[in-house]
Amino acid sequence: ETALPSPVNEARFIRGFVAMAEQQGWHYNLIEAFDQPWKRASE
């Protein structure tokens, strides 16, 4: 639908989320540290 993967959109989301979470004092965990090629087989 409107959800478009891209490096810029990933950066927009992560950077915006971190700013929002830290402003609100939320605890968070980002997914994920490294790209996982094996997941392409199932997803």
PDB file of all heavy atoms in Angstrom:
ATOM      1  N   GLU A   1       0.850  -1.188   0.000  1.00  0.00           N
ATOM      2  CA  GLU A   1       0.000   0.000   0.000  1.00  0.00           C
ATOM      3  C   GLU A   1       0.890   1.244   0.000  1.00  0.00           C
ATOM      4  O   GLU A   1       1.692   1.433  -0.901  1.00  0.00           O
ATOM      5  CB  GLU A   1      -1.011  -0.065   1.144  1.00  0.00           C
ATOM      6  CG  GLU A   1      -1.970  -1.238   1.009  1.00  0.00           C
ATOM      7  CD  GLU A   1      -3.053  -1.263   2.066  1.00  0.00           C
ATOM      8  OE1 GLU A   1      -3.257  -0.238   2.753  1.00  0.00           O
ATOM      9  OE2 GLU A   1      -3.712  -2.318   2.209  1.00  0.00           O
ATOM     10  N   THR A   2       0.804   2.074   1.045  1.00  0.00           N
ATOM     11  CA  THR A   2       1.634   3.287   1.053  1.00  0.00           C
ATOM     12  C   THR A   2       2.994   3.062   1.700  1.00  0.00           C
ATOM     13  O   THR A   2       3.818   3.985   1.731  1.00  0.00           O
ATOM     14  CB  THR A   2       0.918   4.426   1.810  1.00  0.00           C
ATOM     15  OG1 THR A   2       0.626   3.991   3.143  1.00  0.00           O
ATOM     16  CG2 THR A   2      -0.382   4.804   1.109  1.00  0.00           C
ATOM     17  N   ALA A   3       3.242   1.877   2.241  1.00  0.00           N
ATOM     18  CA  ALA A   3       4.498   1.600   2.952  1.00  0.00           C
ATOM     19  C   ALA A   3       5.578   1.214   1.945  1.00  0.00           C
ATOM     20  O   ALA A   3       5.571   0.103   1.413  1.00  0.00           O
ATOM     21  CB  ALA A   3       4.294   0.487   3.974  1.00  0.00           C
ATOM     22  N   LEU A   4       6.497   2.132   1.695  1.00  0.00           N
ATOM     23  CA  LEU A   4       7.525   1.943   0.673  1.00  0.00           C
ATOM     24  C   LEU A   4       8.897   1.758   1.321  1.00  0.00           C
ATOM     25  O   LEU A   4       9.416   2.677   1.958  1.00  0.00           O
ATOM     26  CB  LEU A   4       7.566   3.158  -0.261  1.00  0.00           C
ATOM     27  CG  LEU A   4       8.632   3.132  -1.355  1.00  0.00           C
ATOM     28  CD1 LEU A   4       8.383   1.977  -2.320  1.00  0.00           C
ATOM     29  CD2 LEU A   4       8.652   4.466  -2.104  1.00  0.00           C
ATOM     30  N   PRO A   5       9.509   0.584   1.179  1.00  0.00           N
ATOM     31  CA  PRO A   5      10.868   0.391   1.693  1.00  0.00           C
ATOM     32  C   PRO A   5      11.882   1.223   0.887  1.00  0.00           C
ATOM     33  O   PRO A   5      11.803   1.283  -0.342  1.00  0.00           O
ATOM     34  CB  PRO A   5      11.122  -1.106   1.486  1.00  0.00           C
ATOM     35  CG  PRO A   5       9.774  -1.718   1.335  1.00  0.00           C
ATOM     36  CD  PRO A   5       8.942  -0.673   0.654  1.00  0.00           C
ATOM     37  N   SER A   6      12.811   1.808   1.590  1.00  0.00           N
ATOM     38  CA  SER A   6      13.936   2.495   0.953  1.00  0.00           C
ATOM     39  C   SER A   6      14.919   2.886   2.046  1.00  0.00           C
ATOM     40  O   SER A   6      14.528   3.044   3.211  1.00  0.00           O
ATOM     41  CB  SER A   6      13.479   3.749   0.198  1.00  0.00           C
ATOM     42  OG  SER A   6      13.174   4.806   1.087  1.00  0.00           O
ATOM     43  N   PRO A   7      16.196   3.067   1.702  1.00  0.00           N
ATOM     44  CA  PRO A   7      17.159   3.513   2.711  1.00  0.00           C
ATOM     45  C   PRO A   7      16.795   4.846   3.343  1.00  0.00           C
ATOM     46  O   PRO A   7      16.957   5.033   4.557  1.00  0.00           O
ATOM     47  CB  PRO A   7      18.470   3.599   1.915  1.00  0.00           C
ATOM     48  CG  PRO A   7      18.307   2.598   0.811  1.00  0.00           C
ATOM     49  CD  PRO A   7      16.854   2.680   0.434  1.00  0.00           C
ATOM     50  N   VAL A   8      16.297   5.783   2.531  1.00  0.00           N
ATOM     51  CA  VAL A   8      15.922   7.087   3.085  1.00  0.00           C
ATOM     52  C   VAL A   8      14.746   6.946   4.034  1.00  0.00           C
ATOM     53  O   VAL A   8      14.724   7.547   5.121  1.00  0.00           O
ATOM     54  CB  VAL A   8      15.604   8.083   1.950  1.00  0.00           C
ATOM     55  CG1 VAL A   8      14.969   9.356   2.517  1.00  0.00           C
ATOM     56  CG2 VAL A   8      16.867   8.436   1.182  1.00  0.00           C
ATOM     57  N   ASN A   9      13.754   6.143   3.663  1.00  0.00           N
ATOM     58  CA  ASN A   9      12.606   5.956   4.545  1.00  0.00           C
ATOM     59  C   ASN A   9      12.995   5.229   5.830  1.00  0.00           C
ATOM     60  O   ASN A   9      12.445   5.507   6.903  1.00  0.00           O
ATOM     61  CB  ASN A   9      11.498   5.191   3.823  1.00  0.00           C
ATOM     62  CG  ASN A   9      10.721   6.073   2.861  1.00  0.00           C
ATOM     63  OD1 ASN A   9      10.874   7.290   2.861  1.00  0.00           O
ATOM     64  ND2 ASN A   9       9.904   5.464   2.032  1.00  0.00           N
ATOM     65  N   GLU A  10      13.927   4.276   5.727  1.00  0.00           N
ATOM     66  CA  GLU A  10      14.412   3.624   6.943  1.00  0.00           C
ATOM     67  C   GLU A  10      15.063   4.640   7.870  1.00  0.00           C
ATOM     68  O   GLU A  10      14.808   4.650   9.088  1.00  0.00           O
ATOM     69  CB  GLU A  10      15.397   2.506   6.612  1.00  0.00           C
ATOM     70  CG  GLU A  10      15.866   1.769   7.858  1.00  0.00           C
ATOM     71  CD  GLU A  10      16.875   0.666   7.593  1.00  0.00           C
ATOM     72  OE1 GLU A  10      17.472   0.650   6.498  1.00  0.00           O
ATOM     73  OE2 GLU A  10      17.079  -0.180   8.483  1.00  0.00           O
ATOM     74  N   ALA A  11      15.903   5.487   7.310  1.00  0.00           N
ATOM     75  CA  ALA A  11      16.570   6.507   8.129  1.00  0.00           C
ATOM     76  C   ALA A  11      15.556   7.494   8.699  1.00  0.00           C
ATOM     77  O   ALA A  11      15.653   7.900   9.867  1.00  0.00           O
ATOM     78  CB  ALA A  11      17.625   7.226   7.296  1.00  0.00           C
ATOM     79  N   ARG A  12      14.582   7.915   7.879  1.00  0.00           N
ATOM     80  CA  ARG A  12      13.546   8.833   8.381  1.00  0.00           C
ATOM     81  C   ARG A  12      12.805   8.229   9.563  1.00  0.00           C
ATOM     82  O   ARG A  12      12.574   8.901  10.579  1.00  0.00           O
ATOM     83  CB  ARG A  12      12.540   9.146   7.268  1.00  0.00           C
ATOM     84  CG  ARG A  12      12.983  10.165   6.246  1.00  0.00           C
ATOM     85  CD  ARG A  12      11.856  10.443   5.264  1.00  0.00           C
ATOM     86  NE  ARG A  12      10.678  10.996   5.942  1.00  0.00           N
ATOM     87  CZ  ARG A  12       9.505  11.179   5.345  1.00  0.00           C
ATOM     88  NH1 ARG A  12       9.332  10.826   4.072  1.00  0.00           N
ATOM     89  NH2 ARG A  12       8.491  11.708   6.010  1.00  0.00           N
ATOM     90  N   PHE A  13      12.442   6.954   9.439  1.00  0.00           N
ATOM     91  CA  PHE A  13      11.676   6.337  10.516  1.00  0.00           C
ATOM     92  C   PHE A  13      12.524   6.175  11.775  1.00  0.00           C
ATOM     93  O   PHE A  13      12.094   6.556  12.873  1.00  0.00           O
ATOM     94  CB  PHE A  13      11.144   4.970  10.067  1.00  0.00           C
ATOM     95  CG  PHE A  13      10.354   4.276  11.134  1.00  0.00           C
ATOM     96  CD1 PHE A  13       9.005   4.535  11.284  1.00  0.00           C
ATOM     97  CD2 PHE A  13      10.963   3.392  12.020  1.00  0.00           C
ATOM     98  CE1 PHE A  13       8.266   3.916  12.294  1.00  0.00           C
ATOM     99  CE2 PHE A  13      10.241   2.764  13.026  1.00  0.00           C
ATOM    100  CZ  PHE A  13       8.884   3.034  13.161  1.00  0.00           C
ATOM    101  N   ILE A  14      13.712   5.592  11.631  1.00  0.00           N
ATOM    102  CA  ILE A  14      14.537   5.320  12.807  1.00  0.00           C
ATOM    103  C   ILE A  14      14.918   6.610  13.517  1.00  0.00           C
ATOM    104  O   ILE A  14      14.807   6.734  14.749  1.00  0.00           O
ATOM    105  CB  ILE A  14      15.791   4.521  12.413  1.00  0.00           C
ATOM    106  CG1 ILE A  14      15.422   3.108  11.950  1.00  0.00           C
ATOM    107  CG2 ILE A  14      16.774   4.469  13.574  1.00  0.00           C
ATOM    108  CD1 ILE A  14      14.853   2.219  13.025  1.00  0.00           C
ATOM    109  N   ARG A  15      15.360   7.601  12.764  1.00  0.00           N
ATOM    110  CA  ARG A  15      15.784   8.850  13.400  1.00  0.00           C
ATOM    111  C   ARG A  15      14.601   9.567  14.051  1.00  0.00           C
ATOM    112  O   ARG A  15      14.717  10.113  15.155  1.00  0.00           O
ATOM    113  CB  ARG A  15      16.482   9.746  12.380  1.00  0.00           C
ATOM    114  CG  ARG A  15      17.736   9.114  11.796  1.00  0.00           C
ATOM    115  CD  ARG A  15      18.516  10.092  10.931  1.00  0.00           C
ATOM    116  NE  ARG A  15      19.488   9.399  10.079  1.00  0.00           N
ATOM    117  CZ  ARG A  15      20.448  10.004   9.398  1.00  0.00           C
ATOM    118  NH1 ARG A  15      20.571  11.324   9.452  1.00  0.00           N
ATOM    119  NH2 ARG A  15      21.286   9.315   8.645  1.00  0.00           N
ATOM    120  N   GLY A  16      13.468   9.570  13.340  1.00  0.00           N
ATOM    121  CA  GLY A  16      12.283  10.195  13.923  1.00  0.00           C
ATOM    122  C   GLY A  16      11.789   9.459  15.155  1.00  0.00           C
ATOM    123  O   GLY A  16      11.378  10.071  16.147  1.00  0.00           O
ATOM    124  N   PHE A  17      11.825   8.125  15.105  1.00  0.00           N
ATOM    125  CA  PHE A  17      11.374   7.335  16.257  1.00  0.00           C
ATOM    126  C   PHE A  17      12.267   7.569  17.459  1.00  0.00           C
ATOM    127  O   PHE A  17      11.772   7.750  18.587  1.00  0.00           O
ATOM    128  CB  PHE A  17      11.338   5.852  15.913  1.00  0.00           C
ATOM    129  CG  PHE A  17      11.134   4.994  17.121  1.00  0.00           C
ATOM    130  CD1 PHE A  17       9.868   4.850  17.681  1.00  0.00           C
ATOM    131  CD2 PHE A  17      12.207   4.371  17.747  1.00  0.00           C
ATOM    132  CE1 PHE A  17       9.679   4.091  18.831  1.00  0.00           C
ATOM    133  CE2 PHE A  17      12.031   3.605  18.890  1.00  0.00           C
ATOM    134  CZ  PHE A  17      10.756   3.468  19.428  1.00  0.00           C
ATOM    135  N   VAL A  18      13.577   7.531  17.263  1.00  0.00           N
ATOM    136  CA  VAL A  18      14.501   7.720  18.393  1.00  0.00           C
ATOM    137  C   VAL A  18      14.265   9.072  19.043  1.00  0.00           C
ATOM    138  O   VAL A  18      14.215   9.189  20.287  1.00  0.00           O
ATOM    139  CB  VAL A  18      15.954   7.571  17.918  1.00  0.00           C
ATOM    140  CG1 VAL A  18      16.922   8.057  18.996  1.00  0.00           C
ATOM    141  CG2 VAL A  18      16.256   6.120  17.559  1.00  0.00           C
ATOM    142  N   ALA A  19      14.098  10.102  18.237  1.00  0.00           N
ATOM    143  CA  ALA A  19      13.847  11.432  18.794  1.00  0.00           C
ATOM    144  C   ALA A  19      12.555  11.446  19.602  1.00  0.00           C
ATOM    145  O   ALA A  19      12.497  11.998  20.715  1.00  0.00           O
ATOM    146  CB  ALA A  19      13.784  12.458  17.667  1.00  0.00           C
ATOM    147  N   MET A  20      11.497  10.819  19.066  1.00  0.00           N
ATOM    148  CA  MET A  20      10.215  10.787  19.764  1.00  0.00           C
ATOM    149  C   MET A  20      10.306   9.964  21.045  1.00  0.00           C
ATOM    150  O   MET A  20       9.813  10.380  22.102  1.00  0.00           O
ATOM    151  CB  MET A  20       9.144  10.202  18.835  1.00  0.00           C
ATOM    152  CG  MET A  20       7.766  10.074  19.461  1.00  0.00           C
ATOM    153  SD  MET A  20       6.491   9.559  18.259  1.00  0.00           S
ATOM    154  CE  MET A  20       7.091   7.912  17.843  1.00  0.00           C
ATOM    155  N   ALA A  21      10.942   8.786  20.969  1.00  0.00           N
ATOM    156  CA  ALA A  21      11.027   7.907  22.135  1.00  0.00           C
ATOM    157  C   ALA A  21      11.825   8.543  23.254  1.00  0.00           C
ATOM    158  O   ALA A  21      11.447   8.452  24.439  1.00  0.00           O
ATOM    159  CB  ALA A  21      11.646   6.569  21.728  1.00  0.00           C
ATOM    160  N   GLU A  22      12.920   9.178  22.920  1.00  0.00           N
ATOM    161  CA  GLU A  22      13.754   9.776  23.958  1.00  0.00           C
ATOM    162  C   GLU A  22      13.090  11.019  24.542  1.00  0.00           C
ATOM    163  O   GLU A  22      13.257  11.312  25.737  1.00  0.00           O
ATOM    164  CB  GLU A  22      15.140  10.070  23.394  1.00  0.00           C
ATOM    165  CG  GLU A  22      15.879   8.776  23.022  1.00  0.00           C
ATOM    166  CD  GLU A  22      17.321   8.982  22.612  1.00  0.00           C
ATOM    167  OE1 GLU A  22      17.710  10.145  22.381  1.00  0.00           O
ATOM    168  OE2 GLU A  22      18.048   7.972  22.511  1.00  0.00           O
ATOM    169  N   GLN A  23      12.330  11.729  23.728  1.00  0.00           N
ATOM    170  CA  GLN A  23      11.592  12.873  24.261  1.00  0.00           C
ATOM    171  C   GLN A  23      10.504  12.420  25.229  1.00  0.00           C
ATOM    172  O   GLN A  23      10.252  13.066  26.258  1.00  0.00           O
ATOM    173  CB  GLN A  23      10.972  13.670  23.113  1.00  0.00           C
ATOM    174  CG  GLN A  23      10.204  14.901  23.571  1.00  0.00           C
ATOM    175  CD  GLN A  23       9.567  15.630  22.404  1.00  0.00           C
ATOM    176  OE1 GLN A  23       9.356  15.072  21.336  1.00  0.00           O
ATOM    177  NE2 GLN A  23       9.259  16.902  22.595  1.00  0.00           N
ATOM    178  N   GLN A  24       9.866  11.263  24.919  1.00  0.00           N
ATOM    179  CA  GLN A  24       8.777  10.759  25.745  1.00  0.00           C
ATOM    180  C   GLN A  24       9.277   9.884  26.906  1.00  0.00           C
ATOM    181  O   GLN A  24       8.484   9.506  27.768  1.00  0.00           O
ATOM    182  CB  GLN A  24       7.812   9.936  24.883  1.00  0.00           C
ATOM    183  CG  GLN A  24       7.128  10.716  23.781  1.00  0.00           C
ATOM    184  CD  GLN A  24       6.141  11.733  24.317  1.00  0.00           C
ATOM    185  OE1 GLN A  24       5.564  11.563  25.397  1.00  0.00           O
ATOM    186  NE2 GLN A  24       5.944  12.817  23.575  1.00  0.00           N
ATOM    187  N   GLY A  25      10.563   9.544  26.902  1.00  0.00           N
ATOM    188  CA  GLY A  25      11.100   8.685  27.944  1.00  0.00           C
ATOM    189  C   GLY A  25      10.716   7.221  27.801  1.00  0.00           C
ATOM    190  O   GLY A  25      10.629   6.496  28.799  1.00  0.00           O
ATOM    191  N   TRP A  26      10.488   6.778  26.566  1.00  0.00           N
ATOM    192  CA  TRP A  26      10.103   5.385  26.323  1.00  0.00           C
ATOM    193  C   TRP A  26      11.332   4.494  26.258  1.00  0.00           C
ATOM    194  O   TRP A  26      12.417   4.916  25.838  1.00  0.00           O
ATOM    195  CB  TRP A  26       9.356   5.259  24.998  1.00  0.00           C
ATOM    196  CG  TRP A  26       8.054   5.994  24.945  1.00  0.00           C
ATOM    197  CD1 TRP A  26       7.283   6.394  25.998  1.00  0.00           C
ATOM    198  CD2 TRP A  26       7.368   6.433  23.761  1.00  0.00           C
ATOM    199  NE1 TRP A  26       6.162   7.042  25.562  1.00  0.00           N
ATOM    200  CE2 TRP A  26       6.182   7.080  24.188  1.00  0.00           C
ATOM    201  CE3 TRP A  26       7.629   6.338  22.408  1.00  0.00           C
ATOM    202  CZ2 TRP A  26       5.270   7.628  23.285  1.00  0.00           C
ATOM    203  CZ3 TRP A  26       6.722   6.875  21.506  1.00  0.00           C
ATOM    204  CH2 TRP A  26       5.559   7.506  21.947  1.00  0.00           C
ATOM    205  N   HIS A  27      11.157   3.245  26.646  1.00  0.00           N
ATOM    206  CA  HIS A  27      12.189   2.232  26.451  1.00  0.00           C
ATOM    207  C   HIS A  27      11.959   1.559  25.100  1.00  0.00           C
ATOM    208  O   HIS A  27      10.820   1.278  24.726  1.00  0.00           O
ATOM    209  CB  HIS A  27      12.159   1.204  27.586  1.00  0.00           C
ATOM    210  CG  HIS A  27      12.543   1.776  28.910  1.00  0.00           C
ATOM    211  ND1 HIS A  27      11.754   1.692  30.031  1.00  0.00           N
ATOM    212  CD2 HIS A  27      13.646   2.474  29.283  1.00  0.00           C
ATOM    213  CE1 HIS A  27      12.344   2.293  31.046  1.00  0.00           C
ATOM    214  NE2 HIS A  27      13.495   2.778  30.614  1.00  0.00           N
ATOM    215  N   TYR A  28      13.046   1.267  24.389  1.00  0.00           N
ATOM    216  CA  TYR A  28      12.876   0.751  23.026  1.00  0.00           C
ATOM    217  C   TYR A  28      14.036  -0.155  22.633  1.00  0.00           C
ATOM    218  O   TYR A  28      15.129  -0.116  23.213  1.00  0.00           O
ATOM    219  CB  TYR A  28      12.748   1.900  22.022  1.00  0.00           C
ATOM    220  CG  TYR A  28      13.992   2.760  21.909  1.00  0.00           C
ATOM    221  CD1 TYR A  28      15.048   2.403  21.071  1.00  0.00           C
ATOM    222  CD2 TYR A  28      14.115   3.941  22.646  1.00  0.00           C
ATOM    223  CE1 TYR A  28      16.180   3.190  20.978  1.00  0.00           C
ATOM    224  CE2 TYR A  28      15.236   4.741  22.560  1.00  0.00           C
ATOM    225  CZ  TYR A  28      16.277   4.356  21.717  1.00  0.00           C
ATOM    226  OH  TYR A  28      17.405   5.131  21.625  1.00  0.00           O
ATOM    227  N   ASN A  29      13.758  -0.952  21.628  1.00  0.00           N
ATOM    228  CA  ASN A  29      14.747  -1.813  20.984  1.00  0.00           C
ATOM    229  C   ASN A  29      14.506  -1.730  19.481  1.00  0.00           C
ATOM    230  O   ASN A  29      13.379  -1.947  19.013  1.00  0.00           O
ATOM    231  CB  ASN A  29      14.594  -3.259  21.465  1.00  0.00           C
ATOM    232  CG  ASN A  29      15.457  -4.230  20.668  1.00  0.00           C
ATOM    233  OD1 ASN A  29      16.658  -4.315  20.880  1.00  0.00           O
ATOM    234  ND2 ASN A  29      14.846  -4.968  19.741  1.00  0.00           N
ATOM    235  N   LEU A  30      15.542  -1.404  18.726  1.00  0.00           N
ATOM    236  CA  LEU A  30      15.405  -1.267  17.281  1.00  0.00           C
ATOM    237  C   LEU A  30      15.660  -2.603  16.590  1.00  0.00           C
ATOM    238  O   LEU A  30      16.535  -3.360  16.982  1.00  0.00           O
ATOM    239  CB  LEU A  30      16.405  -0.236  16.748  1.00  0.00           C
ATOM    240  CG  LEU A  30      16.315   1.172  17.345  1.00  0.00           C
ATOM    241  CD1 LEU A  30      17.394   2.066  16.731  1.00  0.00           C
ATOM    242  CD2 LEU A  30      14.930   1.775  17.123  1.00  0.00           C
ATOM    243  N   ILE A  31      14.888  -2.882  15.554  1.00  0.00           N
ATOM    244  CA  ILE A  31      15.131  -4.060  14.745  1.00  0.00           C
ATOM    245  C   ILE A  31      15.649  -3.584  13.392  1.00  0.00           C
ATOM    246  O   ILE A  31      15.007  -2.789  12.722  1.00  0.00           O
ATOM    247  CB  ILE A  31      13.873  -4.928  14.607  1.00  0.00           C
ATOM    248  CG1 ILE A  31      14.186  -6.204  13.840  1.00  0.00           C
ATOM    249  CG2 ILE A  31      12.714  -4.190  13.955  1.00  0.00           C
ATOM    250  CD1 ILE A  31      13.097  -7.261  13.913  1.00  0.00           C
ATOM    251  N   GLU A  32      16.816  -4.035  12.987  1.00  0.00           N
ATOM    252  CA  GLU A  32      17.703  -4.873  13.761  1.00  0.00           C
ATOM    253  C   GLU A  32      19.120  -4.429  13.499  1.00  0.00           C
ATOM    254  O   GLU A  32      19.349  -3.517  12.682  1.00  0.00           O
ATOM    255  CB  GLU A  32      17.508  -6.352  13.400  1.00  0.00           C
ATOM    256  CG  GLU A  32      17.678  -6.662  11.934  1.00  0.00           C
ATOM    257  CD  GLU A  32      17.149  -8.057  11.583  1.00  0.00           C
ATOM    258  OE1 GLU A  32      17.225  -8.967  12.447  1.00  0.00           O
ATOM    259  OE2 GLU A  32      16.677  -8.212  10.468  1.00  0.00           O
ATOM    260  N   ALA A  33      20.090  -5.028  14.155  1.00  0.00           N
ATOM    261  CA  ALA A  33      21.456  -4.547  14.018  1.00  0.00           C
ATOM    262  C   ALA A  33      21.982  -4.708  12.588  1.00  0.00           C
ATOM    263  O   ALA A  33      22.485  -3.757  11.982  1.00  0.00           O
ATOM    264  CB  ALA A  33      22.365  -5.282  15.001  1.00  0.00           C
ATOM    265  N   PHE A  34      21.854  -5.922  12.034  1.00  0.00           N
ATOM    266  CA  PHE A  34      22.444  -6.225  10.725  1.00  0.00           C
ATOM    267  C   PHE A  34      21.409  -6.869   9.807  1.00  0.00           C
ATOM    268  O   PHE A  34      20.555  -7.645  10.254  1.00  0.00           O
ATOM    269  CB  PHE A  34      23.639  -7.183  10.885  1.00  0.00           C
ATOM    270  CG  PHE A  34      24.697  -6.669  11.816  1.00  0.00           C
ATOM    271  CD1 PHE A  34      24.832  -7.196  13.093  1.00  0.00           C
ATOM    272  CD2 PHE A  34      25.551  -5.649  11.432  1.00  0.00           C
ATOM    273  CE1 PHE A  34      25.800  -6.724  13.970  1.00  0.00           C
ATOM    274  CE2 PHE A  34      26.518  -5.161  12.297  1.00  0.00           C
ATOM    275  CZ  PHE A  34      26.638  -5.693  13.572  1.00  0.00           C
ATOM    276  N   ASP A  35      21.491  -6.548   8.525  1.00  0.00           N
ATOM    277  CA  ASP A  35      20.651  -7.229   7.542  1.00  0.00           C
ATOM    278  C   ASP A  35      20.828  -8.739   7.659  1.00  0.00           C
ATOM    279  O   ASP A  35      21.945  -9.231   7.868  1.00  0.00           O
ATOM    280  CB  ASP A  35      21.025  -6.790   6.119  1.00  0.00           C
ATOM    281  CG  ASP A  35      20.515  -5.400   5.765  1.00  0.00           C
ATOM    282  OD1 ASP A  35      19.673  -4.864   6.504  1.00  0.00           O
ATOM    283  OD2 ASP A  35      20.964  -4.856   4.735  1.00  0.00           O
ATOM    284  N   GLN A  36      19.736  -9.465   7.484  1.00  0.00           N
ATOM    285  CA  GLN A  36      19.738 -10.923   7.618  1.00  0.00           C
ATOM    286  C   GLN A  36      19.259 -11.567   6.311  1.00  0.00           C
ATOM    287  O   GLN A  36      18.053 -11.763   6.118  1.00  0.00           O
ATOM    288  CB  GLN A  36      18.829 -11.344   8.768  1.00  0.00           C
ATOM    289  CG  GLN A  36      19.270 -10.839  10.124  1.00  0.00           C
ATOM    290  CD  GLN A  36      20.562 -11.479  10.578  1.00  0.00           C
ATOM    291  OE1 GLN A  36      20.672 -12.698  10.656  1.00  0.00           O
ATOM    292  NE2 GLN A  36      21.566 -10.663  10.869  1.00  0.00           N
ATOM    293  N   PRO A  37      20.185 -11.896   5.397  1.00  0.00           N
ATOM    294  CA  PRO A  37      19.769 -12.452   4.098  1.00  0.00           C
ATOM    295  C   PRO A  37      18.908 -13.703   4.211  1.00  0.00           C
ATOM    296  O   PRO A  37      18.054 -13.935   3.346  1.00  0.00           O
ATOM    297  CB  PRO A  37      21.109 -12.757   3.412  1.00  0.00           C
ATOM    298  CG  PRO A  37      22.077 -11.793   4.018  1.00  0.00           C
ATOM    299  CD  PRO A  37      21.643 -11.661   5.450  1.00  0.00           C
ATOM    300  N   TRP A  38      19.089 -14.513   5.245  1.00  0.00           N
ATOM    301  CA  TRP A  38      18.323 -15.755   5.355  1.00  0.00           C
ATOM    302  C   TRP A  38      16.827 -15.497   5.481  1.00  0.00           C
ATOM    303  O   TRP A  38      16.007 -16.353   5.095  1.00  0.00           O
ATOM    304  CB  TRP A  38      18.820 -16.577   6.549  1.00  0.00           C
ATOM    305  CG  TRP A  38      18.610 -15.955   7.893  1.00  0.00           C
ATOM    306  CD1 TRP A  38      19.463 -15.133   8.564  1.00  0.00           C
ATOM    307  CD2 TRP A  38      17.455 -16.099   8.740  1.00  0.00           C
ATOM    308  NE1 TRP A  38      18.940 -14.757   9.772  1.00  0.00           N
ATOM    309  CE2 TRP A  38      17.694 -15.335   9.906  1.00  0.00           C
ATOM    310  CE3 TRP A  38      16.252 -16.793   8.625  1.00  0.00           C
ATOM    311  CZ2 TRP A  38      16.780 -15.246  10.943  1.00  0.00           C
ATOM    312  CZ3 TRP A  38      15.326 -16.708   9.656  1.00  0.00           C
ATOM    313  CH2 TRP A  38      15.604 -15.942  10.794  1.00  0.00           C
ATOM    314  N   LYS A  39      16.429 -14.333   5.974  1.00  0.00           N
ATOM    315  CA  LYS A  39      15.011 -14.044   6.137  1.00  0.00           C
ATOM    316  C   LYS A  39      14.292 -13.850   4.801  1.00  0.00           C
ATOM    317  O   LYS A  39      13.059 -13.918   4.738  1.00  0.00           O
ATOM    318  CB  LYS A  39      14.822 -12.797   7.004  1.00  0.00           C
ATOM    319  CG  LYS A  39      15.182 -12.997   8.469  1.00  0.00           C
ATOM    320  CD  LYS A  39      14.856 -11.761   9.275  1.00  0.00           C
ATOM    321  CE  LYS A  39      15.173 -11.954  10.751  1.00  0.00           C
ATOM    322  NZ  LYS A  39      14.845 -10.743  11.540  1.00  0.00           N
ATOM    323  N   ARG A  40      15.054 -13.607   3.747  1.00  0.00           N
ATOM    324  CA  ARG A  40      14.425 -13.398   2.445  1.00  0.00           C
ATOM    325  C   ARG A  40      13.724 -14.661   1.948  1.00  0.00           C
ATOM    326  O   ARG A  40      12.775 -14.580   1.158  1.00  0.00           O
ATOM    327  CB  ARG A  40      15.482 -12.944   1.433  1.00  0.00           C
ATOM    328  CG  ARG A  40      16.036 -11.564   1.750  1.00  0.00           C
ATOM    329  CD  ARG A  40      17.424 -11.325   1.225  1.00  0.00           C
ATOM    330  NE  ARG A  40      17.517 -11.430  -0.212  1.00  0.00           N
ATOM    331  CZ  ARG A  40      18.662 -11.323  -0.888  1.00  0.00           C
ATOM    332  NH1 ARG A  40      19.784 -11.117  -0.233  1.00  0.00           N
ATOM    333  NH2 ARG A  40      18.679 -11.428  -2.184  1.00  0.00           N
ATOM    334  N   ALA A  41      14.168 -15.827   2.425  1.00  0.00           N
ATOM    335  CA  ALA A  41      13.545 -17.079   1.990  1.00  0.00           C
ATOM    336  C   ALA A  41      12.112 -17.203   2.494  1.00  0.00           C
ATOM    337  O   ALA A  41      11.266 -17.791   1.823  1.00  0.00           O
ATOM    338  CB  ALA A  41      14.373 -18.273   2.479  1.00  0.00           C
ATOM    339  N   SER A  42      11.811 -16.635   3.659  1.00  0.00           N
ATOM    340  CA  SER A  42      10.478 -16.781   4.234  1.00  0.00           C
ATOM    341  C   SER A  42       9.646 -15.505   4.167  1.00  0.00           C
ATOM    342  O   SER A  42       8.416 -15.566   4.250  1.00  0.00           O
ATOM    343  CB  SER A  42      10.579 -17.229   5.701  1.00  0.00           C
ATOM    344  OG  SER A  42      11.358 -16.309   6.447  1.00  0.00           O
ATOM    345  N   GLU A  43      10.291 -14.344   3.997  1.00  0.00           N
ATOM    346  CA  GLU A  43       9.564 -13.079   4.016  1.00  0.00           C
ATOM    347  C   GLU A  43       9.672 -12.306   2.711  1.00  0.00           C
ATOM    348  O   GLU A  43       9.209 -11.163   2.633  1.00  0.00           O
ATOM    349  CB  GLU A  43      10.081 -12.202   5.162  1.00  0.00           C
ATOM    350  CG  GLU A  43       9.904 -12.814   6.537  1.00  0.00           C
ATOM    351  CD  GLU A  43      10.441 -11.938   7.646  1.00  0.00           C
ATOM    352  OE1 GLU A  43      10.785 -10.759   7.369  1.00  0.00           O
ATOM    353  OE2 GLU A  43      10.534 -12.404   8.790  1.00  0.00           O
TER     354      GLU A  43
END
